[in-house]
Protein backbone atom coordinates (compact mmCIF):
# COMPACT_ATOMS: atom_id res chain seq x y z
CA UNK A 1 -80.56 18.52 91.04
CA UNK A 2 -82.39 15.55 89.58
CA UNK A 3 -85.45 13.83 91.04
CA UNK A 4 -86.77 10.42 90.04
CA UNK A 5 -89.81 8.54 91.34
CA UNK A 6 -90.14 4.78 90.98
CA UNK A 7 -91.20 1.55 92.68
CA UNK A 8 -89.01 -0.67 94.85
CA UNK A 9 -90.03 -4.29 95.23
CA UNK A 10 -89.66 -5.38 98.84
CA UNK A 11 -90.63 -9.01 98.27
CA UNK A 12 -93.29 -10.99 96.39
CA UNK A 13 -95.25 -11.31 99.64
CA UNK A 14 -94.99 -7.69 100.76
CA UNK A 15 -95.13 -6.09 97.34
CA UNK A 16 -93.65 -2.77 96.21
CA UNK A 17 -93.37 0.73 97.66
CA UNK A 18 -92.89 4.13 96.05
CA UNK A 19 -89.50 5.81 96.35
CA UNK A 20 -88.00 9.17 95.38
CA UNK A 21 -84.33 9.56 94.47
CA UNK A 22 -83.07 13.13 94.77
CA UNK A 23 -79.48 13.88 93.84
CA UNK A 24 -77.17 16.81 93.09
CA UNK A 25 -74.85 16.53 90.02
CA UNK A 26 -71.88 15.14 91.98
CA UNK A 27 -73.06 13.79 95.36
CA UNK A 28 -70.54 13.16 98.12
CA UNK A 29 -72.66 10.31 99.51
CA UNK A 30 -76.17 8.87 99.45
CA UNK A 31 -78.59 8.33 102.33
CA UNK A 32 -81.57 6.04 102.55
CA UNK A 33 -84.13 8.22 104.33
CA UNK A 34 -86.96 6.39 106.10
CA UNK A 35 -90.02 8.28 107.33
CA UNK A 36 -91.66 8.19 110.76
CA UNK A 37 -94.81 6.45 111.95
CA UNK A 38 -97.07 9.47 111.55
CA UNK A 39 -96.35 10.65 108.01
CA UNK A 40 -94.99 9.36 104.70
CA UNK A 41 -91.98 10.26 102.60
CA UNK A 42 -93.74 13.29 101.07
CA UNK A 43 -94.36 15.01 104.40
CA UNK A 44 -93.06 18.57 104.35
CA UNK A 45 -90.25 17.71 106.80
CA UNK A 46 -89.01 14.82 104.66
CA UNK A 47 -89.30 16.80 101.45
CA UNK A 48 -87.57 19.89 102.84
CA UNK A 49 -84.79 17.85 104.43
CA UNK A 50 -84.12 15.94 101.20
CA UNK A 51 -83.99 19.18 99.20
CA UNK A 52 -81.64 20.79 101.73
CA UNK A 53 -79.34 17.76 101.75
CA UNK A 54 -79.24 17.76 97.94
CA UNK A 55 -78.18 21.42 97.91
CA UNK A 56 -75.41 20.43 100.34
CA UNK A 57 -74.17 17.74 97.95
CA UNK A 58 -75.89 14.70 99.48
CA UNK A 59 -78.20 12.38 97.54
CA UNK A 60 -81.19 10.76 99.25
CA UNK A 61 -83.46 7.82 98.57
CA UNK A 62 -86.76 8.36 100.35
CA UNK A 63 -89.33 5.59 100.38
CA UNK A 64 -92.69 4.72 101.87
CA UNK A 65 -93.21 1.85 104.24
CA UNK A 66 -95.96 -0.55 103.10
CA UNK A 67 -98.46 0.74 105.68
CA UNK A 68 -98.14 4.24 104.24
CA UNK A 69 -98.32 2.96 100.68
CA UNK A 70 -101.55 1.16 101.58
CA UNK A 71 -102.90 4.22 103.45
CA UNK A 72 -103.09 2.41 106.78
CA UNK A 73 -102.55 4.18 110.10
CA UNK A 74 -100.96 1.30 112.00
CA UNK A 75 -97.20 1.02 111.34
CA UNK A 76 -95.80 -2.16 109.85
CA UNK A 77 -94.37 -4.94 112.00
CA UNK A 78 -90.60 -4.72 112.52
CA UNK A 79 -90.09 -7.63 110.11
CA UNK A 80 -91.94 -5.85 107.28
CA UNK A 81 -90.36 -2.47 108.03
CA UNK A 82 -86.86 -3.96 108.11
CA UNK A 83 -87.43 -5.86 104.86
CA UNK A 84 -88.39 -2.54 103.28
CA UNK A 85 -85.24 -0.90 104.60
CA UNK A 86 -83.14 -3.76 103.24
CA UNK A 87 -84.70 -3.29 99.79
CA UNK A 88 -84.07 0.47 99.94
CA UNK A 89 -80.42 -0.03 100.89
CA UNK A 90 -79.97 -2.45 97.99
CA UNK A 91 -81.62 0.02 95.59
CA UNK A 92 -79.52 2.95 96.83
CA UNK A 93 -76.36 0.94 96.34
CA UNK A 94 -77.37 0.16 92.74
CA UNK A 95 -78.22 3.81 92.05
CA UNK A 96 -74.89 5.15 93.29
CA UNK A 97 -72.41 2.27 93.58
CA UNK A 98 -69.30 4.44 93.63
CA UNK A 99 -70.13 6.76 96.52
CA UNK A 100 -70.45 6.09 100.29
CA UNK A 101 -73.83 4.83 101.46
CA UNK A 102 -75.43 5.79 104.77
CA UNK A 103 -78.75 4.71 106.27
CA UNK A 104 -80.94 7.25 108.03
CA UNK A 105 -84.44 7.79 109.28
CA UNK A 106 -86.87 10.00 111.13
CA UNK A 107 -88.16 8.56 114.42
CA UNK A 108 -89.75 5.14 113.66
CA UNK A 109 -87.81 4.98 110.40
CA UNK A 110 -84.53 5.47 112.21
CA UNK A 111 -85.31 2.88 114.87
CA UNK A 112 -86.33 0.28 112.30
CA UNK A 113 -83.14 1.05 110.38
CA UNK A 114 -80.96 0.52 113.43
CA UNK A 115 -82.76 -2.71 114.28
CA UNK A 116 -82.08 -3.95 110.77
CA UNK A 117 -78.40 -2.98 110.89
CA UNK A 118 -77.94 -4.52 114.35
CA UNK A 119 -79.09 -7.85 112.91
CA UNK A 120 -77.14 -7.42 109.64
CA UNK A 121 -73.65 -6.12 110.44
CA UNK A 122 -72.54 -7.11 106.92
CA UNK A 123 -74.63 -4.28 105.45
CA UNK A 124 -72.63 -2.00 103.12
CA UNK A 125 -73.71 1.20 104.89
CA UNK A 126 -70.88 3.31 106.32
CA UNK A 127 -72.95 4.62 109.23
CA UNK A 128 -76.38 5.52 110.56
CA UNK A 129 -78.06 8.89 111.06
CA UNK A 130 -81.05 9.37 113.36
CA UNK A 131 -83.24 12.43 112.85
CA UNK A 132 -84.82 12.15 116.30
CA UNK A 133 -84.38 8.66 117.74
CA UNK A 134 -87.61 7.62 119.54
CA UNK A 135 -86.10 6.29 122.74
CA UNK A 136 -89.41 5.89 124.59
CA UNK A 137 -93.10 6.72 124.52
CA UNK A 138 -94.06 10.26 125.53
CA UNK A 139 -94.20 10.59 129.31
CA UNK A 140 -92.68 7.14 129.87
CA UNK A 141 -88.90 7.59 130.08
CA UNK A 142 -87.03 4.33 129.45
CA UNK A 143 -83.91 3.21 127.60
CA UNK A 144 -85.19 -0.23 126.63
CA UNK A 145 -85.51 0.63 122.94
CA UNK A 146 -81.77 1.32 122.82
CA UNK A 147 -80.57 -2.17 123.77
CA UNK A 148 -80.08 -3.30 120.16
CA UNK A 149 -77.82 -0.31 119.48
CA UNK A 150 -75.06 -2.00 121.48
CA UNK A 151 -74.69 -4.58 118.70
CA UNK A 152 -73.92 -1.90 116.09
CA UNK A 153 -70.24 -1.22 115.41
CA UNK A 154 -70.76 1.31 112.62
CA UNK A 155 -70.62 5.06 113.37
CA UNK A 156 -73.94 6.55 114.48
CA UNK A 157 -75.09 10.18 114.51
CA UNK A 158 -77.97 11.15 116.82
CA UNK A 159 -79.56 14.50 115.97
CA UNK A 160 -81.87 15.21 118.90
CA UNK A 161 -84.00 18.14 119.99
CA UNK A 162 -83.56 19.30 123.57
CA UNK A 163 -87.37 19.29 124.01
CA UNK A 164 -88.00 15.90 122.40
CA UNK A 165 -90.67 14.16 124.52
CA UNK A 166 -89.77 10.79 122.96
CA UNK A 167 -86.17 11.03 124.13
CA UNK A 168 -85.62 13.00 127.32
CA UNK A 169 -82.21 14.61 127.13
CA UNK A 170 -80.59 12.98 130.15
CA UNK A 171 -81.58 9.53 128.92
CA UNK A 172 -80.49 9.92 125.30
CA UNK A 173 -77.24 11.50 126.48
CA UNK A 174 -76.56 8.54 128.77
CA UNK A 175 -77.38 6.06 125.99
CA UNK A 176 -75.04 7.75 123.52
CA UNK A 177 -72.27 8.01 126.12
CA UNK A 178 -72.44 4.23 126.51
CA UNK A 179 -72.07 3.61 122.75
CA UNK A 180 -68.44 3.83 121.53
CA UNK A 181 -69.40 4.78 117.96
CA UNK A 182 -72.16 7.30 118.76
CA UNK A 183 -72.08 11.05 118.23
CA UNK A 184 -74.87 13.09 119.85
CA UNK A 185 -75.84 16.57 118.65
CA UNK A 186 -78.20 18.73 120.72
CA UNK A 187 -80.59 20.97 118.81
CA UNK A 188 -81.55 23.56 121.39
CA UNK A 189 -85.27 24.19 121.77
CA UNK A 190 -86.34 21.63 119.13
CA UNK A 191 -89.10 19.11 119.81
CA UNK A 192 -89.55 15.65 118.25
CA UNK A 193 -90.86 17.26 115.05
CA UNK A 194 -87.80 19.56 115.01
CA UNK A 195 -89.89 22.64 115.54
CA UNK A 196 -87.93 25.31 117.38
CA UNK A 197 -89.51 28.68 116.78
CA UNK A 198 -87.70 30.67 114.12
CA UNK A 199 -84.55 28.55 114.25
CA UNK A 200 -83.52 27.07 110.89
CA UNK A 201 -83.49 23.51 112.18
CA UNK A 202 -83.39 21.97 108.70
CA UNK A 203 -80.25 23.97 108.01
CA UNK A 204 -78.68 22.73 111.23
CA UNK A 205 -79.61 19.11 110.50
CA UNK A 206 -78.13 19.43 107.02
CA UNK A 207 -74.88 20.98 108.21
CA UNK A 208 -74.38 18.38 110.95
CA UNK A 209 -75.12 15.56 108.51
CA UNK A 210 -72.72 16.92 105.90
CA UNK A 211 -69.89 17.46 108.38
CA UNK A 212 -70.33 14.06 110.05
CA UNK A 213 -70.57 12.03 106.84
CA UNK A 214 -67.48 13.78 105.49
CA UNK A 215 -65.59 12.91 108.68
CA UNK A 216 -66.69 9.27 108.56
CA UNK A 217 -65.68 8.87 104.93
């Protein structure tokens, strides 16, 4: 497994962000992996997931959003976040031009990724993977944040904990049922942070990602 750290320029106005490319010797595909609103790309969840995916034959390109890079607590605007995702997708494609490219993200990172793809259907990504899609605020069930997903024709994989307070199960199940290209996987007992007691949730996320990407390709 090789790991490289470098800068990705988002734009002259926004500046650059730090990224980490982690890859096994012969990856089956590469994922852009965007972090959530509460922690950066080096959070233990992001690091452990990337390492697990690499051992399963999947390369990842993790990156910080500008607000994390600048050590700010308030997440970037959708325009800035989506510009960062676009730059990461372009970089991932240049790093591994001969293998399938997927876009993925944890919580906020996943939602910003899907918003970007919904507005840019020409994107080269083969599909999207959500490690906990944040459907609504905690305690305020609503499906409004899912409206843009209807514009996406690419395959989508939703990996959701059964105890996720940002996506009550009945609602996320109904949303996915209404999307022709969506696959929903229930991780029993897991919350939005994918904590589920002694269950190896990272292992489950990795296995589901590997199987789904192989099927899509």
